[in-house]
Amino acid sequence: MDAKVRSEEKFVKLSIAYEGKEEGELVCSTIDKITSKYDIKPESYTCHISDTKNVVVLEYHDDVDREAGAIFEEIIKTLNIDICD
């Protein structure tokens, strides 16, 4: 699993690449559990990279108060992702 964060003025995006069904279920359940605790909700989608790899993307638009940073940090720590570009 690896992650990448992109941020602009009021926009922030977290992409998490995972491999296989087991990792996918872990990533999706973790995201659902954590994002459900917050009032702001992300737009999300999944992209197919290869036969075995997928990426789930979370985007927050108009994040004036920059709440998404704490949400992303919690997701990354919970999934034990050490490196996030």
PDB file of N, CA and C in Angstrom:
ATOM      1  N   MET A   1       0.843  -1.169   0.000  1.00  0.00           N
ATOM      2  CA  MET A   1       0.000   0.000   0.000  1.00  0.00           C
ATOM      3  C   MET A   1       0.888   1.232   0.000  1.00  0.00           C
ATOM      4  N   ASP A   2       0.480   2.224  -0.777  1.00  0.00           N
ATOM      5  CA  ASP A   2       1.172   3.502  -0.709  1.00  0.00           C
ATOM      6  C   ASP A   2       0.163   4.618  -0.924  1.00  0.00           C
ATOM      7  N   ALA A   3       0.549   5.823  -0.531  1.00  0.00           N
ATOM      8  CA  ALA A   3      -0.382   6.946  -0.584  1.00  0.00           C
ATOM      9  C   ALA A   3       0.294   8.188  -1.131  1.00  0.00           C
ATOM     10  N   LYS A   4      -0.544   9.074  -1.665  1.00  0.00           N
ATOM     11  CA  LYS A   4      -0.060  10.345  -2.186  1.00  0.00           C
ATOM     12  C   LYS A   4      -1.108  11.405  -1.870  1.00  0.00           C
ATOM     13  N   VAL A   5      -0.639  12.568  -1.412  1.00  0.00           N
ATOM     14  CA  VAL A   5      -1.536  13.680  -1.101  1.00  0.00           C
ATOM     15  C   VAL A   5      -1.200  14.839  -2.024  1.00  0.00           C
ATOM     16  N   ARG A   6      -2.235  15.458  -2.547  1.00  0.00           N
ATOM     17  CA  ARG A   6      -2.080  16.667  -3.357  1.00  0.00           C
ATOM     18  C   ARG A   6      -2.976  17.734  -2.759  1.00  0.00           C
ATOM     19  N   SER A   7      -2.434  18.932  -2.627  1.00  0.00           N
ATOM     20  CA  SER A   7      -3.192  19.991  -1.978  1.00  0.00           C
ATOM     21  C   SER A   7      -3.027  21.298  -2.731  1.00  0.00           C
ATOM     22  N   GLU A   8      -4.124  22.020  -2.841  1.00  0.00           N
ATOM     23  CA  GLU A   8      -4.122  23.368  -3.383  1.00  0.00           C
ATOM     24  C   GLU A   8      -4.869  24.243  -2.392  1.00  0.00           C
ATOM     25  N   GLU A   9      -5.220  25.426  -2.792  1.00  0.00           N
ATOM     26  CA  GLU A   9      -5.781  26.389  -1.849  1.00  0.00           C
ATOM     27  C   GLU A   9      -6.969  25.858  -1.049  1.00  0.00           C
ATOM     28  N   LYS A  10      -8.026  25.395  -1.688  1.00  0.00           N
ATOM     29  CA  LYS A  10      -9.198  24.883  -0.973  1.00  0.00           C
ATOM     30  C   LYS A  10      -9.513  23.445  -1.369  1.00  0.00           C
ATOM     31  N   PHE A  11      -8.567  22.796  -1.973  1.00  0.00           N
ATOM     32  CA  PHE A  11      -8.763  21.447  -2.507  1.00  0.00           C
ATOM     33  C   PHE A  11      -7.667  20.541  -1.989  1.00  0.00           C
ATOM     34  N   VAL A  12      -8.049  19.329  -1.565  1.00  0.00           N
ATOM     35  CA  VAL A  12      -7.055  18.361  -1.123  1.00  0.00           C
ATOM     36  C   VAL A  12      -7.506  16.976  -1.581  1.00  0.00           C
ATOM     37  N   LYS A  13      -6.518  16.169  -1.976  1.00  0.00           N
ATOM     38  CA  LYS A  13      -6.813  14.846  -2.517  1.00  0.00           C
ATOM     39  C   LYS A  13      -5.845  13.825  -1.940  1.00  0.00           C
ATOM     40  N   LEU A  14      -6.379  12.691  -1.517  1.00  0.00           N
ATOM     41  CA  LEU A  14      -5.584  11.561  -1.040  1.00  0.00           C
ATOM     42  C   LEU A  14      -5.835  10.385  -1.969  1.00  0.00           C
ATOM     43  N   SER A  15      -4.751   9.811  -2.475  1.00  0.00           N
ATOM     44  CA  SER A  15      -4.833   8.618  -3.320  1.00  0.00           C
ATOM     45  C   SER A  15      -4.119   7.488  -2.601  1.00  0.00           C
ATOM     46  N   ILE A  16      -4.782   6.349  -2.482  1.00  0.00           N
ATOM     47  CA  ILE A  16      -4.184   5.178  -1.840  1.00  0.00           C
ATOM     48  C   ILE A  16      -4.222   4.019  -2.827  1.00  0.00           C
ATOM     49  N   ALA A  17      -3.036   3.537  -3.172  1.00  0.00           N
ATOM     50  CA  ALA A  17      -2.925   2.388  -4.069  1.00  0.00           C
ATOM     51  C   ALA A  17      -2.869   1.123  -3.226  1.00  0.00           C
ATOM     52  N   TYR A  18      -3.614   0.119  -3.659  1.00  0.00           N
ATOM     53  CA  TYR A  18      -3.630  -1.143  -2.935  1.00  0.00           C
ATOM     54  C   TYR A  18      -3.659  -2.289  -3.927  1.00  0.00           C
ATOM     55  N   GLU A  19      -3.316  -3.468  -3.428  1.00  0.00           N
ATOM     56  CA  GLU A  19      -3.250  -4.645  -4.286  1.00  0.00           C
ATOM     57  C   GLU A  19      -4.069  -5.773  -3.687  1.00  0.00           C
ATOM     58  N   GLY A  20      -4.962  -6.329  -4.472  1.00  0.00           N
ATOM     59  CA  GLY A  20      -5.738  -7.485  -4.049  1.00  0.00           C
ATOM     60  C   GLY A  20      -7.001  -7.143  -3.291  1.00  0.00           C
ATOM     61  N   LYS A  21      -7.848  -8.137  -3.191  1.00  0.00           N
ATOM     62  CA  LYS A  21      -9.164  -7.986  -2.560  1.00  0.00           C
ATOM     63  C   LYS A  21      -9.059  -7.682  -1.070  1.00  0.00           C
ATOM     64  N   GLU A  22      -8.160  -8.389  -0.377  1.00  0.00           N
ATOM     65  CA  GLU A  22      -8.018  -8.203   1.067  1.00  0.00           C
ATOM     66  C   GLU A  22      -7.599  -6.778   1.416  1.00  0.00           C
ATOM     67  N   GLU A  23      -6.558  -6.279   0.736  1.00  0.00           N
ATOM     68  CA  GLU A  23      -6.110  -4.907   0.982  1.00  0.00           C
ATOM     69  C   GLU A  23      -7.205  -3.920   0.615  1.00  0.00           C
ATOM     70  N   GLY A  24      -7.908  -4.174  -0.475  1.00  0.00           N
ATOM     71  CA  GLY A  24      -8.982  -3.293  -0.896  1.00  0.00           C
ATOM     72  C   GLY A  24     -10.080  -3.188   0.143  1.00  0.00           C
ATOM     73  N   GLU A  25     -10.466  -4.311   0.715  1.00  0.00           N
ATOM     74  CA  GLU A  25     -11.497  -4.305   1.751  1.00  0.00           C
ATOM     75  C   GLU A  25     -11.026  -3.551   2.984  1.00  0.00           C
ATOM     76  N   LEU A  26      -9.754  -3.729   3.353  1.00  0.00           N
ATOM     77  CA  LEU A  26      -9.193  -3.023   4.504  1.00  0.00           C
ATOM     78  C   LEU A  26      -9.188  -1.518   4.261  1.00  0.00           C
ATOM     79  N   VAL A  27      -8.713  -1.098   3.093  1.00  0.00           N
ATOM     80  CA  VAL A  27      -8.653   0.324   2.769  1.00  0.00           C
ATOM     81  C   VAL A  27     -10.052   0.933   2.784  1.00  0.00           C
ATOM     82  N   CYS A  28     -10.988   0.306   2.096  1.00  0.00           N
ATOM     83  CA  CYS A  28     -12.347   0.857   1.994  1.00  0.00           C
ATOM     84  C   CYS A  28     -13.057   0.899   3.340  1.00  0.00           C
ATOM     85  N   SER A  29     -12.926  -0.146   4.136  1.00  0.00           N
ATOM     86  CA  SER A  29     -13.589  -0.148   5.445  1.00  0.00           C
ATOM     87  C   SER A  29     -12.967   0.890   6.376  1.00  0.00           C
ATOM     88  N   THR A  30     -11.658   1.067   6.299  1.00  0.00           N
ATOM     89  CA  THR A  30     -10.982   2.079   7.117  1.00  0.00           C
ATOM     90  C   THR A  30     -11.447   3.472   6.722  1.00  0.00           C
ATOM     91  N   ILE A  31     -11.492   3.738   5.430  1.00  0.00           N
ATOM     92  CA  ILE A  31     -11.949   5.039   4.944  1.00  0.00           C
ATOM     93  C   ILE A  31     -13.384   5.302   5.393  1.00  0.00           C
ATOM     94  N   ASP A  32     -14.255   4.324   5.221  1.00  0.00           N
ATOM     95  CA  ASP A  32     -15.663   4.495   5.613  1.00  0.00           C
ATOM     96  C   ASP A  32     -15.796   4.776   7.102  1.00  0.00           C
ATOM     97  N   LYS A  33     -15.067   4.016   7.905  1.00  0.00           N
ATOM     98  CA  LYS A  33     -15.136   4.165   9.352  1.00  0.00           C
ATOM     99  C   LYS A  33     -14.670   5.555   9.793  1.00  0.00           C
ATOM    100  N   ILE A  34     -13.569   6.009   9.234  1.00  0.00           N
ATOM    101  CA  ILE A  34     -12.998   7.292   9.658  1.00  0.00           C
ATOM    102  C   ILE A  34     -13.793   8.473   9.112  1.00  0.00           C
ATOM    103  N   THR A  35     -14.134   8.458   7.824  1.00  0.00           N
ATOM    104  CA  THR A  35     -14.846   9.606   7.251  1.00  0.00           C
ATOM    105  C   THR A  35     -16.254   9.758   7.827  1.00  0.00           C
ATOM    106  N   SER A  36     -16.839   8.674   8.297  1.00  0.00           N
ATOM    107  CA  SER A  36     -18.196   8.760   8.862  1.00  0.00           C
ATOM    108  C   SER A  36     -18.223   9.538  10.177  1.00  0.00           C
ATOM    109  N   LYS A  37     -17.082   9.711  10.818  1.00  0.00           N
ATOM    110  CA  LYS A  37     -17.016  10.443  12.087  1.00  0.00           C
ATOM    111  C   LYS A  37     -17.048  11.960  11.904  1.00  0.00           C
ATOM    112  N   TYR A  38     -16.873  12.415  10.668  1.00  0.00           N
ATOM    113  CA  TYR A  38     -16.746  13.846  10.407  1.00  0.00           C
ATOM    114  C   TYR A  38     -17.953  14.370   9.630  1.00  0.00           C
ATOM    115  N   ASP A  39     -18.224  15.660   9.812  1.00  0.00           N
ATOM    116  CA  ASP A  39     -19.346  16.292   9.122  1.00  0.00           C
ATOM    117  C   ASP A  39     -19.058  16.489   7.631  1.00  0.00           C
ATOM    118  N   ILE A  40     -17.817  16.833   7.294  1.00  0.00           N
ATOM    119  CA  ILE A  40     -17.500  17.030   5.880  1.00  0.00           C
ATOM    120  C   ILE A  40     -17.304  15.671   5.220  1.00  0.00           C
ATOM    121  N   LYS A  41     -17.809  15.547   4.023  1.00  0.00           N
ATOM    122  CA  LYS A  41     -17.751  14.265   3.307  1.00  0.00           C
ATOM    123  C   LYS A  41     -16.968  14.436   2.016  1.00  0.00           C
ATOM    124  N   PRO A  42     -16.116  13.466   1.697  1.00  0.00           N
ATOM    125  CA  PRO A  42     -15.326  13.563   0.468  1.00  0.00           C
ATOM    126  C   PRO A  42     -16.081  13.028  -0.739  1.00  0.00           C
ATOM    127  N   GLU A  43     -15.640  13.459  -1.899  1.00  0.00           N
ATOM    128  CA  GLU A  43     -16.007  12.776  -3.121  1.00  0.00           C
ATOM    129  C   GLU A  43     -14.994  11.649  -3.249  1.00  0.00           C
ATOM    130  N   SER A  44     -15.424  10.464  -3.665  1.00  0.00           N
ATOM    131  CA  SER A  44     -14.478   9.361  -3.769  1.00  0.00           C
ATOM    132  C   SER A  44     -14.755   8.538  -5.016  1.00  0.00           C
ATOM    133  N   TYR A  45     -13.691   7.942  -5.513  1.00  0.00           N
ATOM    134  CA  TYR A  45     -13.796   7.044  -6.655  1.00  0.00           C
ATOM    135  C   TYR A  45     -12.612   6.091  -6.645  1.00  0.00           C
ATOM    136  N   THR A  46     -12.745   5.008  -7.375  1.00  0.00           N
ATOM    137  CA  THR A  46     -11.695   3.994  -7.467  1.00  0.00           C
ATOM    138  C   THR A  46     -11.279   3.848  -8.928  1.00  0.00           C
ATOM    139  N   CYS A  47      -9.981   3.749  -9.145  1.00  0.00           N
ATOM    140  CA  CYS A  47      -9.427   3.566 -10.488  1.00  0.00           C
ATOM    141  C   CYS A  47      -8.674   2.240 -10.548  1.00  0.00           C
ATOM    142  N   HIS A  48      -8.820   1.570 -11.656  1.00  0.00           N
ATOM    143  CA  HIS A  48      -8.129   0.306 -11.913  1.00  0.00           C
ATOM    144  C   HIS A  48      -6.781   0.636 -12.570  1.00  0.00           C
ATOM    145  N   ILE A  49      -5.665   0.209 -11.952  1.00  0.00           N
ATOM    146  CA  ILE A  49      -4.334   0.499 -12.490  1.00  0.00           C
ATOM    147  C   ILE A  49      -3.804  -0.660 -13.324  1.00  0.00           C
ATOM    148  N   SER A  50      -3.939  -1.861 -12.794  1.00  0.00           N
ATOM    149  CA  SER A  50      -3.454  -3.053 -13.489  1.00  0.00           C
ATOM    150  C   SER A  50      -4.357  -4.222 -13.111  1.00  0.00           C
ATOM    151  N   ASP A  51      -3.969  -5.420 -13.507  1.00  0.00           N
ATOM    152  CA  ASP A  51      -4.769  -6.599 -13.176  1.00  0.00           C
ATOM    153  C   ASP A  51      -4.941  -6.791 -11.675  1.00  0.00           C
ATOM    154  N   THR A  52      -3.959  -6.344 -10.911  1.00  0.00           N
ATOM    155  CA  THR A  52      -4.013  -6.577  -9.463  1.00  0.00           C
ATOM    156  C   THR A  52      -4.064  -5.307  -8.628  1.00  0.00           C
ATOM    157  N   LYS A  53      -3.751  -4.141  -9.209  1.00  0.00           N
ATOM    158  CA  LYS A  53      -3.675  -2.899  -8.433  1.00  0.00           C
ATOM    159  C   LYS A  53      -4.817  -1.952  -8.744  1.00  0.00           C
ATOM    160  N   ASN A  54      -5.298  -1.305  -7.691  1.00  0.00           N
ATOM    161  CA  ASN A  54      -6.328  -0.275  -7.798  1.00  0.00           C
ATOM    162  C   ASN A  54      -5.929   0.918  -6.941  1.00  0.00           C
ATOM    163  N   VAL A  55      -6.578   2.035  -7.189  1.00  0.00           N
ATOM    164  CA  VAL A  55      -6.356   3.245  -6.396  1.00  0.00           C
ATOM    165  C   VAL A  55      -7.710   3.788  -5.979  1.00  0.00           C
ATOM    166  N   VAL A  56      -7.834   4.099  -4.706  1.00  0.00           N
ATOM    167  CA  VAL A  56      -9.024   4.799  -4.224  1.00  0.00           C
ATOM    168  C   VAL A  56      -8.606   6.247  -3.976  1.00  0.00           C
ATOM    169  N   VAL A  57      -9.452   7.177  -4.414  1.00  0.00           N
ATOM    170  CA  VAL A  57      -9.148   8.602  -4.321  1.00  0.00           C
ATOM    171  C   VAL A  57     -10.234   9.290  -3.505  1.00  0.00           C
ATOM    172  N   LEU A  58      -9.795  10.097  -2.544  1.00  0.00           N
ATOM    173  CA  LEU A  58     -10.703  10.928  -1.749  1.00  0.00           C
ATOM    174  C   LEU A  58     -10.386  12.383  -2.053  1.00  0.00           C
ATOM    175  N   GLU A  59     -11.411  13.166  -2.355  1.00  0.00           N
ATOM    176  CA  GLU A  59     -11.211  14.581  -2.649  1.00  0.00           C
ATOM    177  C   GLU A  59     -12.148  15.423  -1.796  1.00  0.00           C
ATOM    178  N   TYR A  60     -11.589  16.462  -1.225  1.00  0.00           N
ATOM    179  CA  TYR A  60     -12.387  17.445  -0.509  1.00  0.00           C
ATOM    180  C   TYR A  60     -12.244  18.773  -1.255  1.00  0.00           C
ATOM    181  N   HIS A  61     -13.373  19.346  -1.626  1.00  0.00           N
ATOM    182  CA  HIS A  61     -13.407  20.631  -2.310  1.00  0.00           C
ATOM    183  C   HIS A  61     -13.886  21.679  -1.312  1.00  0.00           C
ATOM    184  N   ASP A  62     -13.436  22.894  -1.479  1.00  0.00           N
ATOM    185  CA  ASP A  62     -13.825  23.997  -0.588  1.00  0.00           C
ATOM    186  C   ASP A  62     -13.530  23.691   0.876  1.00  0.00           C
ATOM    187  N   ASP A  63     -12.379  23.106   1.129  1.00  0.00           N
ATOM    188  CA  ASP A  63     -11.957  22.772   2.495  1.00  0.00           C
ATOM    189  C   ASP A  63     -11.272  23.986   3.109  1.00  0.00           C
ATOM    190  N   VAL A  64     -12.052  25.020   3.349  1.00  0.00           N
ATOM    191  CA  VAL A  64     -11.544  26.293   3.842  1.00  0.00           C
ATOM    192  C   VAL A  64     -10.842  26.132   5.189  1.00  0.00           C
ATOM    193  N   ASP A  65     -11.399  25.324   6.073  1.00  0.00           N
ATOM    194  CA  ASP A  65     -10.836  25.139   7.410  1.00  0.00           C
ATOM    195  C   ASP A  65      -9.766  24.057   7.470  1.00  0.00           C
ATOM    196  N   ARG A  66      -9.463  23.465   6.338  1.00  0.00           N
ATOM    197  CA  ARG A  66      -8.428  22.438   6.217  1.00  0.00           C
ATOM    198  C   ARG A  66      -8.642  21.260   7.171  1.00  0.00           C
ATOM    199  N   GLU A  67      -9.882  20.839   7.288  1.00  0.00           N
ATOM    200  CA  GLU A  67     -10.221  19.694   8.132  1.00  0.00           C
ATOM    201  C   GLU A  67      -9.736  18.375   7.538  1.00  0.00           C
ATOM    202  N   ALA A  68      -9.634  18.314   6.230  1.00  0.00           N
ATOM    203  CA  ALA A  68      -9.285  17.067   5.565  1.00  0.00           C
ATOM    204  C   ALA A  68      -7.891  16.566   5.952  1.00  0.00           C
ATOM    205  N   GLY A  69      -6.992  17.452   6.282  1.00  0.00           N
ATOM    206  CA  GLY A  69      -5.638  17.039   6.667  1.00  0.00           C
ATOM    207  C   GLY A  69      -5.646  16.078   7.845  1.00  0.00           C
ATOM    208  N   ALA A  70      -6.432  16.384   8.849  1.00  0.00           N
ATOM    209  CA  ALA A  70      -6.526  15.511  10.023  1.00  0.00           C
ATOM    210  C   ALA A  70      -7.172  14.178   9.669  1.00  0.00           C
ATOM    211  N   ILE A  71      -8.159  14.212   8.778  1.00  0.00           N
ATOM    212  CA  ILE A  71      -8.824  12.986   8.343  1.00  0.00           C
ATOM    213  C   ILE A  71      -7.837  12.107   7.577  1.00  0.00           C
ATOM    214  N   PHE A  72      -7.103  12.712   6.648  1.00  0.00           N
ATOM    215  CA  PHE A  72      -6.115  11.960   5.869  1.00  0.00           C
ATOM    216  C   PHE A  72      -5.038  11.372   6.773  1.00  0.00           C
ATOM    217  N   GLU A  73      -4.583  12.153   7.732  1.00  0.00           N
ATOM    218  CA  GLU A  73      -3.553  11.672   8.655  1.00  0.00           C
ATOM    219  C   GLU A  73      -4.052  10.461   9.443  1.00  0.00           C
ATOM    220  N   GLU A  74      -5.294  10.513   9.888  1.00  0.00           N
ATOM    221  CA  GLU A  74      -5.865   9.393  10.637  1.00  0.00           C
ATOM    222  C   GLU A  74      -5.965   8.138   9.759  1.00  0.00           C
ATOM    223  N   ILE A  75      -6.381   8.309   8.520  1.00  0.00           N
ATOM    224  CA  ILE A  75      -6.482   7.176   7.589  1.00  0.00           C
ATOM    225  C   ILE A  75      -5.107   6.567   7.349  1.00  0.00           C
ATOM    226  N   ILE A  76      -4.131   7.403   7.069  1.00  0.00           N
ATOM    227  CA  ILE A  76      -2.770   6.938   6.776  1.00  0.00           C
ATOM    228  C   ILE A  76      -2.173   6.203   7.972  1.00  0.00           C
ATOM    229  N   LYS A  77      -2.340   6.751   9.169  1.00  0.00           N
ATOM    230  CA  LYS A  77      -1.808   6.103  10.376  1.00  0.00           C
ATOM    231  C   LYS A  77      -2.523   4.776  10.651  1.00  0.00           C
ATOM    232  N   THR A  78      -3.835   4.751  10.489  1.00  0.00           N
ATOM    233  CA  THR A  78      -4.600   3.537  10.747  1.00  0.00           C
ATOM    234  C   THR A  78      -4.193   2.410   9.795  1.00  0.00           C
ATOM    235  N   LEU A  79      -3.894   2.766   8.554  1.00  0.00           N
ATOM    236  CA  LEU A  79      -3.476   1.776   7.560  1.00  0.00           C
ATOM    237  C   LEU A  79      -1.978   1.460   7.628  1.00  0.00           C
ATOM    238  N   ASN A  80      -1.268   2.077   8.569  1.00  0.00           N
ATOM    239  CA  ASN A  80       0.174   1.866   8.745  1.00  0.00           C
ATOM    240  C   ASN A  80       0.966   2.145   7.471  1.00  0.00           C
ATOM    241  N   ILE A  81       0.612   3.224   6.791  1.00  0.00           N
ATOM    242  CA  ILE A  81       1.350   3.641   5.600  1.00  0.00           C
ATOM    243  C   ILE A  81       2.483   4.557   6.077  1.00  0.00           C
ATOM    244  N   ASP A  82       3.712   4.092   5.856  1.00  0.00           N
ATOM    245  CA  ASP A  82       4.885   4.837   6.342  1.00  0.00           C
ATOM    246  C   ASP A  82       5.285   5.985   5.438  1.00  0.00           C
ATOM    247  N   ILE A  83       5.143   5.812   4.131  1.00  0.00           N
ATOM    248  CA  ILE A  83       5.584   6.824   3.187  1.00  0.00           C
ATOM    249  C   ILE A  83       4.389   7.358   2.424  1.00  0.00           C
ATOM    250  N   CYS A  84       4.238   8.661   2.463  1.00  0.00           N
ATOM    251  CA  CYS A  84       3.155   9.327   1.744  1.00  0.00           C
ATOM    252  C   CYS A  84       3.768  10.496   1.003  1.00  0.00           C
ATOM    253  N   ASP A  85       3.759  10.426  -0.303  1.00  0.00           N
ATOM    254  CA  ASP A  85       4.333  11.507  -1.124  1.00  0.00           C
ATOM    255  C   ASP A  85       3.413  12.705  -1.171  1.00  0.00           C
TER     256      ASP A  85
END
